[in-house]
Amino acid sequence: MNAVTARSLALVTVLAALAACRVAGPLEPASMALLRQHGLEPTGPTRTQTTQIGAPQETPWDLYLEASRRTGLSFASYSGTQAQLETTPVAGDPPLRAHVLTVDGLAVGAWLSAEGMAPGIFALSDRP
């Protein structure tokens, strides 16, 4: 078999494999998948802002870190790093907001906040 025939055969094989693939639908952002994994249903649009992660011993970052650790995440080594903070309203009484902290697309923190409660910070798996 010559080189041209081998390349042609390889190309046909790849094209056949691609044709057999089916798209299941749009991919869900990782942060939304994380919320759904914890039984949280978004009730409104997500707001994203850039923030600088504070030191783990500073309030309120200490509360966010503890709630994140209960979810299996930790941003303790990212102090001083620029991050994206996604805030999404989720179903709950009192009204809840889910927060997902990402660095370079990787979720490093996540917690819930409840309106009208002090301090009102909970792990994703907790409900006020």
N, C-alpha and C. Protein backbone atom coordinates (compact mmCIF):
# COMPACT_ATOMS: atom_id res chain seq x y z
N MET A 1 0.85 -1.16 0.00
CA MET A 1 0.00 0.00 0.00
C MET A 1 0.91 1.24 0.00
N ASN A 2 0.63 2.16 -0.91
CA ASN A 2 1.46 3.36 -0.95
C ASN A 2 0.95 4.40 0.05
N ALA A 3 1.72 5.48 0.25
CA ALA A 3 1.42 6.49 1.27
C ALA A 3 0.10 7.21 0.99
N VAL A 4 -0.18 7.49 -0.29
CA VAL A 4 -1.43 8.18 -0.64
C VAL A 4 -2.63 7.31 -0.30
N THR A 5 -2.56 6.04 -0.61
CA THR A 5 -3.66 5.12 -0.33
C THR A 5 -3.85 4.98 1.18
N ALA A 6 -2.78 4.91 1.94
CA ALA A 6 -2.87 4.77 3.39
C ALA A 6 -3.52 6.02 4.00
N ARG A 7 -3.14 7.20 3.51
CA ARG A 7 -3.75 8.44 4.01
C ARG A 7 -5.23 8.51 3.65
N SER A 8 -5.55 8.11 2.45
CA SER A 8 -6.95 8.13 2.02
C SER A 8 -7.79 7.18 2.87
N LEU A 9 -7.26 6.00 3.12
CA LEU A 9 -7.97 5.04 3.95
C LEU A 9 -8.16 5.58 5.37
N ALA A 10 -7.15 6.22 5.92
CA ALA A 10 -7.25 6.80 7.26
C ALA A 10 -8.29 7.91 7.29
N LEU A 11 -8.31 8.75 6.26
CA LEU A 11 -9.28 9.83 6.19
C LEU A 11 -10.70 9.29 6.10
N VAL A 12 -10.92 8.28 5.30
CA VAL A 12 -12.24 7.67 5.18
C VAL A 12 -12.68 7.08 6.52
N THR A 13 -11.77 6.46 7.24
CA THR A 13 -12.07 5.88 8.55
C THR A 13 -12.49 6.96 9.54
N VAL A 14 -11.74 8.07 9.56
CA VAL A 14 -12.08 9.17 10.46
C VAL A 14 -13.43 9.78 10.10
N LEU A 15 -13.68 9.99 8.82
CA LEU A 15 -14.96 10.56 8.39
C LEU A 15 -16.13 9.64 8.74
N ALA A 16 -15.94 8.35 8.60
CA ALA A 16 -17.00 7.40 8.97
C ALA A 16 -17.27 7.45 10.47
N ALA A 17 -16.22 7.57 11.27
CA ALA A 17 -16.39 7.66 12.72
C ALA A 17 -17.11 8.94 13.11
N LEU A 18 -16.77 10.05 12.46
CA LEU A 18 -17.44 11.32 12.75
C LEU A 18 -18.91 11.27 12.34
N ALA A 19 -19.20 10.63 11.23
CA ALA A 19 -20.58 10.52 10.77
C ALA A 19 -21.42 9.70 11.74
N ALA A 20 -20.82 8.77 12.44
CA ALA A 20 -21.54 7.92 13.38
C ALA A 20 -21.82 8.64 14.71
N CYS A 21 -21.13 9.75 14.96
CA CYS A 21 -21.34 10.49 16.21
C CYS A 21 -22.65 11.26 16.14
N ARG A 22 -23.32 11.34 17.28
CA ARG A 22 -24.56 12.10 17.36
C ARG A 22 -24.41 13.15 18.45
N VAL A 23 -24.95 14.30 18.19
CA VAL A 23 -24.89 15.38 19.17
C VAL A 23 -26.10 15.24 20.08
N ALA A 24 -25.85 15.18 21.37
CA ALA A 24 -26.92 14.99 22.35
C ALA A 24 -27.59 16.31 22.71
N GLY A 25 -27.05 17.42 22.32
CA GLY A 25 -27.58 18.73 22.67
C GLY A 25 -26.46 19.62 23.12
N PRO A 26 -26.77 20.87 23.41
CA PRO A 26 -25.71 21.78 23.85
C PRO A 26 -25.13 21.33 25.18
N LEU A 27 -23.84 21.53 25.32
CA LEU A 27 -23.18 21.18 26.58
C LEU A 27 -23.53 22.20 27.64
N GLU A 28 -23.71 21.73 28.85
CA GLU A 28 -24.04 22.59 29.96
C GLU A 28 -22.74 23.11 30.58
N PRO A 29 -22.69 24.40 30.93
CA PRO A 29 -21.48 24.89 31.60
C PRO A 29 -21.22 24.08 32.86
N ALA A 30 -19.95 23.91 33.19
CA ALA A 30 -19.57 23.11 34.36
C ALA A 30 -20.21 23.64 35.63
N SER A 31 -20.33 24.96 35.76
CA SER A 31 -20.92 25.52 36.98
C SER A 31 -22.39 25.12 37.12
N MET A 32 -23.14 25.10 36.01
CA MET A 32 -24.54 24.68 36.07
C MET A 32 -24.65 23.20 36.41
N ALA A 33 -23.75 22.40 35.87
CA ALA A 33 -23.75 20.97 36.19
C ALA A 33 -23.48 20.77 37.68
N LEU A 34 -22.58 21.57 38.25
CA LEU A 34 -22.27 21.48 39.68
C LEU A 34 -23.51 21.80 40.51
N LEU A 35 -24.24 22.83 40.13
CA LEU A 35 -25.45 23.20 40.87
C LEU A 35 -26.49 22.08 40.79
N ARG A 36 -26.70 21.58 39.59
CA ARG A 36 -27.70 20.51 39.42
C ARG A 36 -27.29 19.24 40.17
N GLN A 37 -26.00 18.97 40.25
CA GLN A 37 -25.50 17.81 40.98
C GLN A 37 -25.92 17.88 42.45
N HIS A 38 -26.09 19.10 42.96
CA HIS A 38 -26.48 19.29 44.35
C HIS A 38 -27.96 19.61 44.49
N GLY A 39 -28.73 19.33 43.45
CA GLY A 39 -30.18 19.49 43.50
C GLY A 39 -30.65 20.93 43.46
N LEU A 40 -29.83 21.82 42.96
CA LEU A 40 -30.19 23.24 42.89
C LEU A 40 -30.68 23.58 41.48
N GLU A 41 -31.83 24.22 41.41
CA GLU A 41 -32.42 24.58 40.13
C GLU A 41 -32.36 26.10 39.94
N PRO A 42 -31.64 26.55 38.90
CA PRO A 42 -31.57 27.99 38.63
C PRO A 42 -32.96 28.58 38.37
N THR A 43 -33.20 29.77 38.90
CA THR A 43 -34.48 30.44 38.69
C THR A 43 -34.33 31.77 37.95
N GLY A 44 -33.12 32.08 37.53
CA GLY A 44 -32.88 33.32 36.84
C GLY A 44 -31.51 33.30 36.18
N PRO A 45 -31.16 34.40 35.53
CA PRO A 45 -29.88 34.46 34.82
C PRO A 45 -28.69 34.51 35.77
N THR A 46 -27.56 34.04 35.26
CA THR A 46 -26.31 34.07 35.99
C THR A 46 -25.59 35.39 35.74
N ARG A 47 -25.07 35.98 36.81
CA ARG A 47 -24.26 37.19 36.70
C ARG A 47 -22.82 36.80 36.96
N THR A 48 -21.91 37.22 36.09
CA THR A 48 -20.49 36.89 36.24
C THR A 48 -19.70 38.17 36.45
N GLN A 49 -18.80 38.12 37.42
CA GLN A 49 -17.93 39.27 37.67
C GLN A 49 -16.53 38.78 37.99
N THR A 50 -15.56 39.63 37.72
CA THR A 50 -14.18 39.32 38.05
C THR A 50 -13.92 39.80 39.47
N THR A 51 -13.24 38.97 40.23
CA THR A 51 -12.93 39.31 41.61
C THR A 51 -11.52 38.83 41.94
N GLN A 52 -10.98 39.34 43.00
CA GLN A 52 -9.68 38.87 43.49
C GLN A 52 -9.95 38.06 44.75
N ILE A 53 -9.46 36.83 44.78
CA ILE A 53 -9.69 35.96 45.92
C ILE A 53 -8.93 36.48 47.13
N GLY A 54 -9.63 36.63 48.23
CA GLY A 54 -9.03 37.11 49.46
C GLY A 54 -8.30 36.01 50.21
N ALA A 55 -7.61 36.40 51.25
CA ALA A 55 -6.90 35.43 52.10
C ALA A 55 -7.90 34.55 52.82
N PRO A 56 -7.60 33.26 52.98
CA PRO A 56 -8.54 32.33 53.60
C PRO A 56 -8.94 32.69 55.02
N GLN A 57 -8.15 33.48 55.74
CA GLN A 57 -8.50 33.84 57.10
C GLN A 57 -9.31 35.13 57.18
N GLU A 58 -9.53 35.80 56.04
CA GLU A 58 -10.29 37.05 56.02
C GLU A 58 -11.78 36.76 55.86
N THR A 59 -12.60 37.49 56.63
CA THR A 59 -14.04 37.40 56.46
C THR A 59 -14.41 38.27 55.27
N PRO A 60 -15.26 37.85 54.37
CA PRO A 60 -16.08 36.65 54.38
C PRO A 60 -15.43 35.44 53.69
N TRP A 61 -14.19 35.59 53.21
CA TRP A 61 -13.56 34.50 52.47
C TRP A 61 -13.42 33.24 53.30
N ASP A 62 -13.24 33.38 54.62
CA ASP A 62 -13.15 32.20 55.48
C ASP A 62 -14.46 31.41 55.46
N LEU A 63 -15.58 32.10 55.43
CA LEU A 63 -16.89 31.44 55.38
C LEU A 63 -17.11 30.76 54.02
N TYR A 64 -16.71 31.46 52.95
CA TYR A 64 -16.84 30.88 51.61
C TYR A 64 -15.97 29.63 51.48
N LEU A 65 -14.76 29.69 52.05
CA LEU A 65 -13.84 28.56 51.97
C LEU A 65 -14.39 27.34 52.71
N GLU A 66 -14.93 27.56 53.90
CA GLU A 66 -15.48 26.44 54.68
C GLU A 66 -16.64 25.79 53.94
N ALA A 67 -17.54 26.60 53.39
CA ALA A 67 -18.67 26.06 52.62
C ALA A 67 -18.17 25.33 51.37
N SER A 68 -17.15 25.87 50.72
CA SER A 68 -16.59 25.24 49.52
C SER A 68 -15.97 23.89 49.87
N ARG A 69 -15.24 23.82 50.96
CA ARG A 69 -14.62 22.56 51.37
C ARG A 69 -15.66 21.49 51.64
N ARG A 70 -16.81 21.86 52.16
CA ARG A 70 -17.88 20.89 52.40
C ARG A 70 -18.45 20.37 51.09
N THR A 71 -18.20 21.09 50.00
CA THR A 71 -18.61 20.67 48.67
C THR A 71 -17.50 19.91 47.96
N GLY A 72 -16.32 19.86 48.57
CA GLY A 72 -15.18 19.17 47.97
C GLY A 72 -14.28 20.07 47.15
N LEU A 73 -14.42 21.39 47.32
CA LEU A 73 -13.59 22.36 46.60
C LEU A 73 -12.79 23.19 47.60
N SER A 74 -11.69 23.77 47.14
CA SER A 74 -10.89 24.64 48.00
C SER A 74 -10.13 25.65 47.15
N PHE A 75 -10.25 26.91 47.53
CA PHE A 75 -9.48 27.96 46.84
C PHE A 75 -8.39 28.51 47.75
N ALA A 76 -8.04 27.79 48.82
CA ALA A 76 -7.07 28.26 49.80
C ALA A 76 -5.73 28.63 49.17
N SER A 77 -5.30 27.92 48.15
CA SER A 77 -4.01 28.20 47.53
C SER A 77 -4.10 29.28 46.44
N TYR A 78 -5.27 29.87 46.25
CA TYR A 78 -5.45 30.87 45.20
C TYR A 78 -5.57 32.29 45.73
N SER A 79 -5.22 32.53 46.97
CA SER A 79 -5.31 33.87 47.56
C SER A 79 -4.57 34.88 46.69
N GLY A 80 -5.24 36.00 46.40
CA GLY A 80 -4.65 37.04 45.58
C GLY A 80 -4.83 36.83 44.08
N THR A 81 -5.41 35.72 43.68
CA THR A 81 -5.60 35.39 42.26
C THR A 81 -6.88 36.01 41.73
N GLN A 82 -6.83 36.48 40.48
CA GLN A 82 -8.04 36.94 39.80
C GLN A 82 -8.91 35.74 39.47
N ALA A 83 -10.20 35.85 39.71
CA ALA A 83 -11.12 34.74 39.47
C ALA A 83 -12.44 35.28 38.91
N GLN A 84 -13.24 34.38 38.38
CA GLN A 84 -14.58 34.70 37.94
C GLN A 84 -15.55 34.21 39.01
N LEU A 85 -16.48 35.04 39.40
CA LEU A 85 -17.50 34.66 40.36
C LEU A 85 -18.85 34.68 39.65
N GLU A 86 -19.43 33.50 39.51
CA GLU A 86 -20.74 33.37 38.89
C GLU A 86 -21.79 33.29 39.99
N THR A 87 -22.80 34.14 39.92
CA THR A 87 -23.87 34.18 40.91
C THR A 87 -25.18 33.90 40.20
N THR A 88 -25.89 32.87 40.69
CA THR A 88 -27.13 32.43 40.05
C THR A 88 -28.22 32.30 41.10
N PRO A 89 -29.39 32.94 40.90
CA PRO A 89 -30.49 32.70 41.83
C PRO A 89 -31.00 31.26 41.67
N VAL A 90 -31.27 30.61 42.79
CA VAL A 90 -31.77 29.24 42.78
C VAL A 90 -33.00 29.14 43.67
N ALA A 91 -33.81 28.13 43.43
CA ALA A 91 -35.05 27.93 44.19
C ALA A 91 -34.74 27.70 45.66
N GLY A 92 -35.50 28.34 46.52
CA GLY A 92 -35.35 28.15 47.95
C GLY A 92 -36.14 29.17 48.73
N ASP A 93 -36.38 28.87 49.98
CA ASP A 93 -37.06 29.80 50.86
C ASP A 93 -36.29 29.83 52.17
N PRO A 94 -35.59 30.89 52.50
CA PRO A 94 -35.60 32.20 51.86
C PRO A 94 -34.91 32.16 50.49
N PRO A 95 -35.05 33.25 49.70
CA PRO A 95 -34.39 33.28 48.39
C PRO A 95 -32.89 32.99 48.52
N LEU A 96 -32.41 32.13 47.63
CA LEU A 96 -31.01 31.70 47.66
C LEU A 96 -30.28 32.13 46.40
N ARG A 97 -28.97 32.28 46.55
CA ARG A 97 -28.08 32.51 45.41
C ARG A 97 -26.95 31.50 45.52
N ALA A 98 -26.65 30.89 44.40
CA ALA A 98 -25.51 29.97 44.33
C ALA A 98 -24.34 30.73 43.72
N HIS A 99 -23.17 30.55 44.30
CA HIS A 99 -21.96 31.22 43.85
C HIS A 99 -20.94 30.16 43.47
N VAL A 100 -20.37 30.29 42.26
CA VAL A 100 -19.31 29.38 41.82
C VAL A 100 -18.11 30.23 41.45
N LEU A 101 -16.98 29.95 42.09
CA LEU A 101 -15.73 30.69 41.90
C LEU A 101 -14.83 29.86 41.00
N THR A 102 -14.41 30.44 39.88
CA THR A 102 -13.57 29.70 38.94
C THR A 102 -12.27 30.46 38.66
N VAL A 103 -11.21 29.68 38.47
CA VAL A 103 -9.91 30.21 38.06
C VAL A 103 -9.52 29.44 36.81
N ASP A 104 -9.31 30.17 35.72
CA ASP A 104 -8.97 29.56 34.43
C ASP A 104 -9.95 28.45 34.05
N GLY A 105 -11.24 28.68 34.32
CA GLY A 105 -12.28 27.73 33.94
C GLY A 105 -12.46 26.57 34.91
N LEU A 106 -11.65 26.49 35.96
CA LEU A 106 -11.73 25.42 36.93
C LEU A 106 -12.48 25.91 38.17
N ALA A 107 -13.53 25.18 38.57
CA ALA A 107 -14.26 25.54 39.78
C ALA A 107 -13.38 25.27 40.99
N VAL A 108 -13.12 26.31 41.78
CA VAL A 108 -12.28 26.17 42.98
C VAL A 108 -13.07 26.47 44.25
N GLY A 109 -14.27 26.99 44.10
CA GLY A 109 -15.12 27.29 45.25
C GLY A 109 -16.57 27.34 44.85
N ALA A 110 -17.46 27.04 45.80
CA ALA A 110 -18.90 27.13 45.54
C ALA A 110 -19.62 27.17 46.88
N TRP A 111 -20.65 28.03 46.96
CA TRP A 111 -21.41 28.15 48.19
C TRP A 111 -22.77 28.76 47.88
N LEU A 112 -23.67 28.69 48.85
CA LEU A 112 -24.98 29.33 48.78
C LEU A 112 -24.99 30.52 49.71
N SER A 113 -25.74 31.54 49.34
CA SER A 113 -26.02 32.63 50.26
C SER A 113 -27.53 32.79 50.35
N ALA A 114 -28.01 33.11 51.54
CA ALA A 114 -29.44 33.27 51.78
C ALA A 114 -29.72 34.71 52.17
N GLU A 115 -30.72 35.29 51.53
CA GLU A 115 -31.09 36.67 51.84
C GLU A 115 -31.71 36.75 53.22
N GLY A 116 -31.39 37.79 53.95
CA GLY A 116 -32.00 38.05 55.23
C GLY A 116 -31.49 37.19 56.37
N MET A 117 -30.41 36.45 56.16
CA MET A 117 -29.83 35.64 57.23
C MET A 117 -28.38 36.07 57.42
N ALA A 118 -27.91 36.01 58.66
CA ALA A 118 -26.52 36.36 58.93
C ALA A 118 -25.82 35.16 59.56
N PRO A 119 -24.67 34.73 59.09
CA PRO A 119 -24.03 35.26 57.90
C PRO A 119 -24.66 34.77 56.61
N GLY A 120 -25.46 33.71 56.66
CA GLY A 120 -26.20 33.29 55.47
C GLY A 120 -25.36 32.58 54.42
N ILE A 121 -24.27 31.93 54.81
CA ILE A 121 -23.38 31.21 53.88
C ILE A 121 -23.50 29.72 54.18
N PHE A 122 -23.77 28.92 53.14
CA PHE A 122 -23.99 27.49 53.30
C PHE A 122 -23.27 26.74 52.19
N ALA A 123 -22.97 25.47 52.45
CA ALA A 123 -22.46 24.58 51.41
C ALA A 123 -23.59 24.30 50.41
N LEU A 124 -23.24 23.93 49.19
CA LEU A 124 -24.26 23.66 48.18
C LEU A 124 -25.22 22.56 48.61
N SER A 125 -24.73 21.62 49.42
CA SER A 125 -25.57 20.50 49.83
C SER A 125 -26.45 20.86 51.04
N ASP A 126 -26.23 22.00 51.66
CA ASP A 126 -27.02 22.42 52.83
C ASP A 126 -28.16 23.32 52.38
N ARG A 127 -29.19 23.33 53.18
CA ARG A 127 -30.30 24.26 52.93
C ARG A 127 -30.58 25.00 54.24
N PRO A 128 -30.78 26.31 54.16
CA PRO A 128 -31.07 27.08 55.38
C PRO A 128 -32.42 26.69 55.97
